[in-house]
Amino acid sequence: MRRLNQKFIMLGLALTVWACNGGGDEEPTAQELVVEALAKTWEIAPGSSVVFQGLDASVFWADFELNFTDKRSFTAAGVPSGYSDVWPASGTFTFPDPDDPNLIERSDGVFIRLEIISETKVDLVFDLEDSGGSAFGTGGSYRFSLVPSS
């Protein structure tokens, strides 16, 4: 009986040591930290928050909301009519360069440079090829300055 108790105690100690040292202490990668920082609903920041070709286009995007998830997906709402190529209703994103956690690629092939200003502000900068989405064309350079939705 005593020998059986000793085996259970040793097994318990071994399990405790294994649980404490077993891979749970790994630091998150830079990409995981970016995903964690983005995983919320964002809206247009006050001021000149959407810049298209150097001009303030915020008035057209006033109702825009962008929700990133921790599963590397997104949904967009409030996209102006004819501008779904600028922000599709939904999609996924990846990190095309493992050494650059501030560059993502949307599932439609658009590369976006992330400028994480703080936990409460992020800028998304990208160029879009013109695909004839609106009467005026949607191709050009964009900068979206976003804050968490209230």
N, C-alpha and C. Protein backbone atom coordinates (compact mmCIF):
# COMPACT_ATOMS: atom_id res chain seq x y z
N MET A 1 0.82 -1.18 0.00
CA MET A 1 0.00 0.00 0.00
C MET A 1 0.87 1.26 0.00
N ARG A 2 1.93 1.22 0.83
CA ARG A 2 2.82 2.37 0.91
C ARG A 2 3.50 2.62 -0.43
N ARG A 3 3.89 1.55 -1.09
CA ARG A 3 4.54 1.63 -2.39
C ARG A 3 3.58 2.25 -3.43
N LEU A 4 2.31 1.92 -3.36
CA LEU A 4 1.30 2.46 -4.26
C LEU A 4 1.13 3.96 -4.03
N ASN A 5 1.11 4.39 -2.76
CA ASN A 5 1.00 5.81 -2.43
C ASN A 5 2.20 6.59 -2.96
N GLN A 6 3.40 6.00 -2.84
CA GLN A 6 4.60 6.66 -3.32
C GLN A 6 4.53 6.84 -4.84
N LYS A 7 4.01 5.84 -5.54
CA LYS A 7 3.89 5.94 -7.00
C LYS A 7 2.92 7.05 -7.38
N PHE A 8 1.80 7.18 -6.66
CA PHE A 8 0.84 8.25 -6.94
C PHE A 8 1.44 9.62 -6.65
N ILE A 9 2.20 9.72 -5.57
CA ILE A 9 2.84 10.99 -5.24
C ILE A 9 3.86 11.37 -6.31
N MET A 10 4.65 10.40 -6.75
CA MET A 10 5.64 10.66 -7.80
C MET A 10 4.95 11.04 -9.12
N LEU A 11 3.89 10.35 -9.44
CA LEU A 11 3.13 10.66 -10.66
C LEU A 11 2.56 12.07 -10.56
N GLY A 12 2.01 12.42 -9.40
CA GLY A 12 1.47 13.76 -9.19
C GLY A 12 2.53 14.84 -9.34
N LEU A 13 3.70 14.59 -8.76
CA LEU A 13 4.79 15.56 -8.88
C LEU A 13 5.25 15.69 -10.33
N ALA A 14 5.36 14.58 -11.01
CA ALA A 14 5.78 14.61 -12.42
C ALA A 14 4.77 15.40 -13.25
N LEU A 15 3.49 15.17 -13.04
CA LEU A 15 2.46 15.91 -13.77
C LEU A 15 2.49 17.40 -13.46
N THR A 16 2.73 17.73 -12.21
CA THR A 16 2.80 19.14 -11.82
C THR A 16 3.98 19.83 -12.49
N VAL A 17 5.14 19.20 -12.46
CA VAL A 17 6.33 19.78 -13.11
C VAL A 17 6.10 19.91 -14.60
N TRP A 18 5.54 18.89 -15.21
CA TRP A 18 5.27 18.92 -16.65
C TRP A 18 4.28 20.03 -17.00
N ALA A 19 3.23 20.19 -16.21
CA ALA A 19 2.22 21.22 -16.47
C ALA A 19 2.81 22.62 -16.32
N CYS A 20 3.68 22.81 -15.37
CA CYS A 20 4.28 24.12 -15.14
C CYS A 20 5.32 24.48 -16.20
N ASN A 21 6.00 23.52 -16.74
CA ASN A 21 7.06 23.77 -17.71
C ASN A 21 6.67 23.43 -19.13
N GLY A 22 5.47 23.00 -19.35
CA GLY A 22 5.10 22.42 -20.63
C GLY A 22 4.58 23.37 -21.68
N GLY A 23 5.42 24.21 -22.25
CA GLY A 23 5.07 24.96 -23.44
C GLY A 23 4.09 26.11 -23.24
N GLY A 24 3.50 26.26 -22.09
CA GLY A 24 2.56 27.33 -21.88
C GLY A 24 3.22 28.68 -21.70
N ASP A 25 4.53 28.71 -21.60
CA ASP A 25 5.25 29.96 -21.34
C ASP A 25 5.79 30.59 -22.62
N GLU A 26 5.37 30.11 -23.77
CA GLU A 26 5.87 30.66 -25.02
C GLU A 26 5.38 32.08 -25.21
N GLU A 27 6.27 32.93 -25.66
CA GLU A 27 5.93 34.32 -25.95
C GLU A 27 5.12 34.37 -27.25
N PRO A 28 4.12 35.24 -27.32
CA PRO A 28 3.37 35.37 -28.57
C PRO A 28 4.27 35.97 -29.66
N THR A 29 4.02 35.58 -30.89
CA THR A 29 4.78 36.13 -32.01
C THR A 29 4.32 37.56 -32.28
N ALA A 30 5.11 38.28 -33.05
CA ALA A 30 4.75 39.65 -33.42
C ALA A 30 3.43 39.67 -34.19
N GLN A 31 3.23 38.67 -35.04
CA GLN A 31 1.98 38.58 -35.80
C GLN A 31 0.79 38.35 -34.87
N GLU A 32 0.96 37.48 -33.87
CA GLU A 32 -0.11 37.23 -32.91
C GLU A 32 -0.46 38.49 -32.12
N LEU A 33 0.55 39.28 -31.79
CA LEU A 33 0.31 40.53 -31.07
C LEU A 33 -0.46 41.53 -31.95
N VAL A 34 -0.15 41.57 -33.23
CA VAL A 34 -0.87 42.44 -34.15
C VAL A 34 -2.32 42.00 -34.27
N VAL A 35 -2.55 40.70 -34.44
CA VAL A 35 -3.92 40.17 -34.54
C VAL A 35 -4.70 40.53 -33.27
N GLU A 36 -4.07 40.36 -32.13
CA GLU A 36 -4.72 40.68 -30.85
C GLU A 36 -5.06 42.17 -30.77
N ALA A 37 -4.16 43.03 -31.23
CA ALA A 37 -4.40 44.47 -31.19
C ALA A 37 -5.52 44.89 -32.14
N LEU A 38 -5.63 44.22 -33.28
CA LEU A 38 -6.65 44.56 -34.27
C LEU A 38 -8.03 44.00 -33.94
N ALA A 39 -8.11 42.94 -33.16
CA ALA A 39 -9.34 42.18 -32.95
C ALA A 39 -10.39 42.98 -32.16
N LYS A 40 -11.07 43.86 -32.88
CA LYS A 40 -12.16 44.65 -32.32
C LYS A 40 -12.86 45.36 -33.48
N THR A 41 -13.90 46.08 -33.16
CA THR A 41 -14.59 46.87 -34.17
C THR A 41 -14.03 48.28 -34.17
N TRP A 42 -13.71 48.76 -35.36
CA TRP A 42 -13.10 50.07 -35.55
C TRP A 42 -14.04 50.96 -36.34
N GLU A 43 -13.94 52.27 -36.11
CA GLU A 43 -14.71 53.24 -36.87
C GLU A 43 -13.78 54.39 -37.26
N ILE A 44 -14.29 55.25 -38.11
CA ILE A 44 -13.52 56.38 -38.59
C ILE A 44 -13.19 57.31 -37.41
N ALA A 45 -11.93 57.70 -37.32
CA ALA A 45 -11.49 58.63 -36.27
C ALA A 45 -12.01 60.03 -36.60
N PRO A 46 -12.14 60.87 -35.58
CA PRO A 46 -12.54 62.26 -35.85
C PRO A 46 -11.51 62.96 -36.73
N GLY A 47 -11.98 63.90 -37.54
CA GLY A 47 -11.07 64.67 -38.40
C GLY A 47 -10.93 64.04 -39.77
N SER A 48 -9.84 64.33 -40.42
CA SER A 48 -9.56 63.81 -41.77
C SER A 48 -9.09 62.37 -41.64
N SER A 49 -10.05 61.47 -41.60
CA SER A 49 -9.73 60.08 -41.28
C SER A 49 -9.62 59.16 -42.48
N VAL A 50 -10.21 59.56 -43.58
CA VAL A 50 -10.06 58.78 -44.80
C VAL A 50 -9.47 59.72 -45.84
N VAL A 51 -8.27 59.40 -46.25
CA VAL A 51 -7.59 60.22 -47.25
C VAL A 51 -7.43 59.37 -48.50
N PHE A 52 -7.92 59.90 -49.62
CA PHE A 52 -7.83 59.23 -50.92
C PHE A 52 -7.07 60.15 -51.85
N GLN A 53 -5.95 59.68 -52.36
CA GLN A 53 -5.11 60.45 -53.28
C GLN A 53 -4.74 61.81 -52.68
N GLY A 54 -4.53 61.84 -51.36
CA GLY A 54 -4.13 63.07 -50.70
C GLY A 54 -5.28 64.01 -50.32
N LEU A 55 -6.51 63.63 -50.66
CA LEU A 55 -7.67 64.48 -50.36
C LEU A 55 -8.54 63.84 -49.29
N ASP A 56 -9.15 64.67 -48.45
CA ASP A 56 -10.02 64.18 -47.39
C ASP A 56 -11.31 63.62 -48.00
N ALA A 57 -11.56 62.34 -47.78
CA ALA A 57 -12.77 61.68 -48.27
C ALA A 57 -13.62 61.17 -47.12
N SER A 58 -13.38 61.68 -45.91
CA SER A 58 -14.04 61.18 -44.71
C SER A 58 -15.56 61.28 -44.78
N VAL A 59 -16.08 62.32 -45.38
CA VAL A 59 -17.53 62.52 -45.42
C VAL A 59 -18.24 61.34 -46.09
N PHE A 60 -17.60 60.71 -47.06
CA PHE A 60 -18.20 59.58 -47.77
C PHE A 60 -18.16 58.29 -46.94
N TRP A 61 -17.25 58.23 -45.98
CA TRP A 61 -17.02 57.03 -45.18
C TRP A 61 -17.49 57.19 -43.73
N ALA A 62 -18.34 58.16 -43.45
CA ALA A 62 -18.75 58.50 -42.08
C ALA A 62 -19.35 57.32 -41.31
N ASP A 63 -20.05 56.42 -42.00
CA ASP A 63 -20.71 55.29 -41.34
C ASP A 63 -19.88 54.00 -41.38
N PHE A 64 -18.65 54.09 -41.82
CA PHE A 64 -17.81 52.92 -42.00
C PHE A 64 -17.41 52.30 -40.67
N GLU A 65 -17.54 50.98 -40.58
CA GLU A 65 -17.05 50.19 -39.44
C GLU A 65 -16.32 48.96 -39.98
N LEU A 66 -15.23 48.64 -39.32
CA LEU A 66 -14.41 47.51 -39.73
C LEU A 66 -14.16 46.65 -38.50
N ASN A 67 -14.57 45.39 -38.59
CA ASN A 67 -14.41 44.48 -37.46
C ASN A 67 -13.39 43.40 -37.82
N PHE A 68 -12.27 43.41 -37.10
CA PHE A 68 -11.26 42.36 -37.24
C PHE A 68 -11.50 41.33 -36.14
N THR A 69 -11.29 40.05 -36.46
CA THR A 69 -11.42 39.00 -35.45
C THR A 69 -10.06 38.37 -35.17
N ASP A 70 -10.00 37.63 -34.08
CA ASP A 70 -8.76 36.95 -33.75
C ASP A 70 -8.52 35.73 -34.63
N LYS A 71 -9.44 35.46 -35.55
CA LYS A 71 -9.28 34.35 -36.51
C LYS A 71 -8.76 34.85 -37.85
N ARG A 72 -8.22 36.09 -37.86
CA ARG A 72 -7.66 36.70 -39.07
C ARG A 72 -8.70 36.87 -40.17
N SER A 73 -9.86 37.35 -39.77
CA SER A 73 -10.90 37.67 -40.72
C SER A 73 -11.43 39.07 -40.40
N PHE A 74 -12.23 39.61 -41.32
CA PHE A 74 -12.80 40.93 -41.09
C PHE A 74 -14.17 41.02 -41.75
N THR A 75 -14.98 41.94 -41.25
CA THR A 75 -16.23 42.34 -41.89
C THR A 75 -16.25 43.85 -41.94
N ALA A 76 -16.83 44.39 -43.00
CA ALA A 76 -16.92 45.83 -43.16
C ALA A 76 -18.38 46.21 -43.35
N ALA A 77 -18.78 47.32 -42.73
CA ALA A 77 -20.14 47.85 -42.87
C ALA A 77 -20.02 49.35 -43.15
N GLY A 78 -21.07 49.90 -43.74
CA GLY A 78 -21.08 51.33 -44.03
C GLY A 78 -20.17 51.72 -45.18
N VAL A 79 -19.88 50.78 -46.06
CA VAL A 79 -19.05 51.07 -47.24
C VAL A 79 -19.91 51.83 -48.25
N PRO A 80 -19.46 52.97 -48.75
CA PRO A 80 -20.26 53.71 -49.73
C PRO A 80 -20.56 52.86 -50.97
N SER A 81 -21.69 53.10 -51.56
CA SER A 81 -22.11 52.37 -52.76
C SER A 81 -21.05 52.51 -53.85
N GLY A 82 -20.70 51.38 -54.44
CA GLY A 82 -19.71 51.37 -55.52
C GLY A 82 -18.27 51.25 -55.04
N TYR A 83 -18.05 51.14 -53.72
CA TYR A 83 -16.70 51.09 -53.19
C TYR A 83 -16.38 49.77 -52.49
N SER A 84 -17.08 48.71 -52.87
CA SER A 84 -16.83 47.41 -52.24
C SER A 84 -15.46 46.84 -52.60
N ASP A 85 -14.82 47.37 -53.64
CA ASP A 85 -13.46 46.92 -53.93
C ASP A 85 -12.45 47.59 -52.98
N VAL A 86 -12.82 48.74 -52.40
CA VAL A 86 -11.96 49.38 -51.42
C VAL A 86 -12.02 48.59 -50.12
N TRP A 87 -13.24 48.29 -49.66
CA TRP A 87 -13.44 47.40 -48.50
C TRP A 87 -14.57 46.43 -48.79
N PRO A 88 -14.22 45.17 -49.10
CA PRO A 88 -15.26 44.15 -49.31
C PRO A 88 -16.04 43.93 -48.01
N ALA A 89 -17.23 43.39 -48.13
CA ALA A 89 -18.09 43.15 -46.96
C ALA A 89 -17.43 42.21 -45.96
N SER A 90 -16.62 41.29 -46.45
CA SER A 90 -15.94 40.36 -45.54
C SER A 90 -14.74 39.75 -46.25
N GLY A 91 -13.88 39.16 -45.46
CA GLY A 91 -12.71 38.51 -46.02
C GLY A 91 -11.77 38.05 -44.91
N THR A 92 -10.62 37.62 -45.32
CA THR A 92 -9.59 37.17 -44.38
C THR A 92 -8.31 37.94 -44.70
N PHE A 93 -7.33 37.79 -43.82
CA PHE A 93 -6.04 38.41 -44.09
C PHE A 93 -4.92 37.48 -43.61
N THR A 94 -3.77 37.64 -44.23
CA THR A 94 -2.58 36.87 -43.88
C THR A 94 -1.41 37.84 -43.74
N PHE A 95 -0.31 37.31 -43.28
CA PHE A 95 0.94 38.05 -43.19
C PHE A 95 1.86 37.50 -44.28
N PRO A 96 2.00 38.21 -45.41
CA PRO A 96 2.78 37.67 -46.52
C PRO A 96 4.28 37.61 -46.26
N ASP A 97 4.77 38.44 -45.35
CA ASP A 97 6.19 38.45 -45.03
C ASP A 97 6.35 38.11 -43.55
N PRO A 98 6.89 36.93 -43.23
CA PRO A 98 7.01 36.53 -41.82
C PRO A 98 7.87 37.48 -40.98
N ASP A 99 8.68 38.29 -41.62
CA ASP A 99 9.54 39.23 -40.90
C ASP A 99 8.92 40.63 -40.77
N ASP A 100 7.71 40.82 -41.31
CA ASP A 100 7.07 42.13 -41.26
C ASP A 100 5.64 41.99 -40.74
N PRO A 101 5.43 42.11 -39.43
CA PRO A 101 4.10 41.97 -38.86
C PRO A 101 3.18 43.16 -39.13
N ASN A 102 3.71 44.21 -39.76
CA ASN A 102 2.90 45.38 -40.06
C ASN A 102 2.41 45.43 -41.49
N LEU A 103 2.53 44.31 -42.18
CA LEU A 103 2.03 44.20 -43.55
C LEU A 103 1.08 43.01 -43.60
N ILE A 104 -0.16 43.29 -44.00
CA ILE A 104 -1.12 42.20 -44.18
C ILE A 104 -1.58 42.18 -45.62
N GLU A 105 -2.06 41.02 -46.04
CA GLU A 105 -2.64 40.88 -47.37
C GLU A 105 -4.06 40.39 -47.21
N ARG A 106 -5.01 41.18 -47.74
CA ARG A 106 -6.41 40.76 -47.71
C ARG A 106 -6.61 39.60 -48.68
N SER A 107 -7.69 38.87 -48.48
CA SER A 107 -7.98 37.71 -49.33
C SER A 107 -8.24 38.11 -50.78
N ASP A 108 -8.47 39.39 -51.06
CA ASP A 108 -8.65 39.85 -52.44
C ASP A 108 -7.35 40.34 -53.06
N GLY A 109 -6.22 40.12 -52.36
CA GLY A 109 -4.91 40.44 -52.92
C GLY A 109 -4.40 41.85 -52.62
N VAL A 110 -5.13 42.63 -51.85
CA VAL A 110 -4.69 43.99 -51.51
C VAL A 110 -3.74 43.93 -50.31
N PHE A 111 -2.58 44.56 -50.45
CA PHE A 111 -1.60 44.63 -49.38
C PHE A 111 -1.84 45.91 -48.58
N ILE A 112 -1.90 45.78 -47.25
CA ILE A 112 -2.20 46.91 -46.38
C ILE A 112 -1.07 47.07 -45.37
N ARG A 113 -0.54 48.28 -45.30
CA ARG A 113 0.48 48.62 -44.31
C ARG A 113 -0.25 49.09 -43.05
N LEU A 114 0.04 48.43 -41.91
CA LEU A 114 -0.56 48.79 -40.63
C LEU A 114 0.36 49.75 -39.90
N GLU A 115 -0.21 50.83 -39.43
CA GLU A 115 0.52 51.75 -38.57
C GLU A 115 -0.26 51.81 -37.27
N ILE A 116 0.15 50.98 -36.32
CA ILE A 116 -0.54 50.92 -35.04
C ILE A 116 0.01 52.05 -34.17
N ILE A 117 -0.79 53.10 -34.06
CA ILE A 117 -0.38 54.29 -33.33
C ILE A 117 -0.44 54.02 -31.82
N SER A 118 -1.52 53.38 -31.39
CA SER A 118 -1.72 53.04 -29.98
C SER A 118 -2.81 51.97 -29.92
N GLU A 119 -3.21 51.59 -28.71
CA GLU A 119 -4.31 50.62 -28.57
C GLU A 119 -5.61 51.21 -29.07
N THR A 120 -5.65 52.54 -29.21
CA THR A 120 -6.90 53.19 -29.59
C THR A 120 -6.81 53.91 -30.93
N LYS A 121 -5.79 53.67 -31.70
CA LYS A 121 -5.72 54.26 -33.04
C LYS A 121 -4.83 53.42 -33.94
N VAL A 122 -5.34 53.17 -35.13
CA VAL A 122 -4.57 52.44 -36.14
C VAL A 122 -4.83 53.10 -37.49
N ASP A 123 -3.78 53.19 -38.30
CA ASP A 123 -3.90 53.67 -39.66
C ASP A 123 -3.66 52.50 -40.60
N LEU A 124 -4.50 52.40 -41.61
CA LEU A 124 -4.39 51.37 -42.64
C LEU A 124 -4.08 52.08 -43.95
N VAL A 125 -2.95 51.77 -44.55
CA VAL A 125 -2.49 52.46 -45.75
C VAL A 125 -2.33 51.44 -46.86
N PHE A 126 -2.95 51.74 -48.02
CA PHE A 126 -2.83 50.81 -49.14
C PHE A 126 -3.10 51.51 -50.46
N ASP A 127 -2.64 50.87 -51.52
CA ASP A 127 -2.91 51.30 -52.89
C ASP A 127 -3.85 50.30 -53.51
N LEU A 128 -4.75 50.81 -54.30
CA LEU A 128 -5.75 49.95 -54.94
C LEU A 128 -5.73 50.18 -56.44
N GLU A 129 -5.66 49.10 -57.18
CA GLU A 129 -5.76 49.18 -58.63
C GLU A 129 -7.20 49.53 -58.99
N ASP A 130 -7.39 50.37 -59.99
CA ASP A 130 -8.75 50.77 -60.38
C ASP A 130 -9.46 49.60 -61.04
N SER A 131 -10.62 49.25 -60.47
CA SER A 131 -11.41 48.16 -61.06
C SER A 131 -12.75 48.66 -61.53
N GLY A 132 -12.93 49.98 -61.59
CA GLY A 132 -14.17 50.54 -62.10
C GLY A 132 -15.33 50.41 -61.14
N GLY A 133 -15.06 50.38 -59.83
CA GLY A 133 -16.11 50.19 -58.83
C GLY A 133 -17.11 51.32 -58.77
N SER A 134 -16.68 52.56 -58.96
CA SER A 134 -17.62 53.68 -58.92
C SER A 134 -17.47 54.49 -60.20
N ALA A 135 -18.37 55.43 -60.40
CA ALA A 135 -18.33 56.26 -61.61
C ALA A 135 -17.05 57.07 -61.69
N PHE A 136 -16.46 57.41 -60.55
CA PHE A 136 -15.26 58.22 -60.51
C PHE A 136 -13.99 57.38 -60.44
N GLY A 137 -14.11 56.08 -60.29
CA GLY A 137 -12.95 55.21 -60.15
C GLY A 137 -12.52 55.14 -58.70
N THR A 138 -12.04 53.99 -58.31
CA THR A 138 -11.65 53.79 -56.92
C THR A 138 -10.16 53.54 -56.77
N GLY A 139 -9.44 53.46 -57.86
CA GLY A 139 -8.02 53.19 -57.79
C GLY A 139 -7.25 54.37 -57.23
N GLY A 140 -6.21 54.06 -56.47
CA GLY A 140 -5.37 55.10 -55.92
C GLY A 140 -4.88 54.74 -54.53
N SER A 141 -4.31 55.72 -53.84
CA SER A 141 -3.78 55.47 -52.50
C SER A 141 -4.80 55.88 -51.45
N TYR A 142 -4.89 55.05 -50.40
CA TYR A 142 -5.84 55.27 -49.31
C TYR A 142 -5.11 55.26 -47.98
N ARG A 143 -5.64 56.04 -47.04
CA ARG A 143 -5.23 56.00 -45.64
C ARG A 143 -6.51 56.10 -44.81
N PHE A 144 -6.76 55.04 -44.04
CA PHE A 144 -7.89 55.01 -43.11
C PHE A 144 -7.34 55.14 -41.70
N SER A 145 -7.74 56.18 -40.98
CA SER A 145 -7.38 56.34 -39.58
C SER A 145 -8.58 55.91 -38.75
N LEU A 146 -8.38 54.87 -37.94
CA LEU A 146 -9.49 54.26 -37.23
C LEU A 146 -9.28 54.26 -35.72
N VAL A 147 -10.39 54.33 -35.00
CA VAL A 147 -10.41 54.23 -33.54
C VAL A 147 -11.42 53.16 -33.16
N PRO A 148 -11.30 52.58 -31.96
CA PRO A 148 -12.28 51.57 -31.55
C PRO A 148 -13.70 52.15 -31.55
N SER A 149 -14.64 51.34 -31.99
CA SER A 149 -16.03 51.76 -32.05
C SER A 149 -16.57 51.93 -30.63
N SER A 150 -17.38 52.97 -30.47
CA SER A 150 -17.94 53.22 -29.14
C SER A 150 -19.33 52.66 -28.97
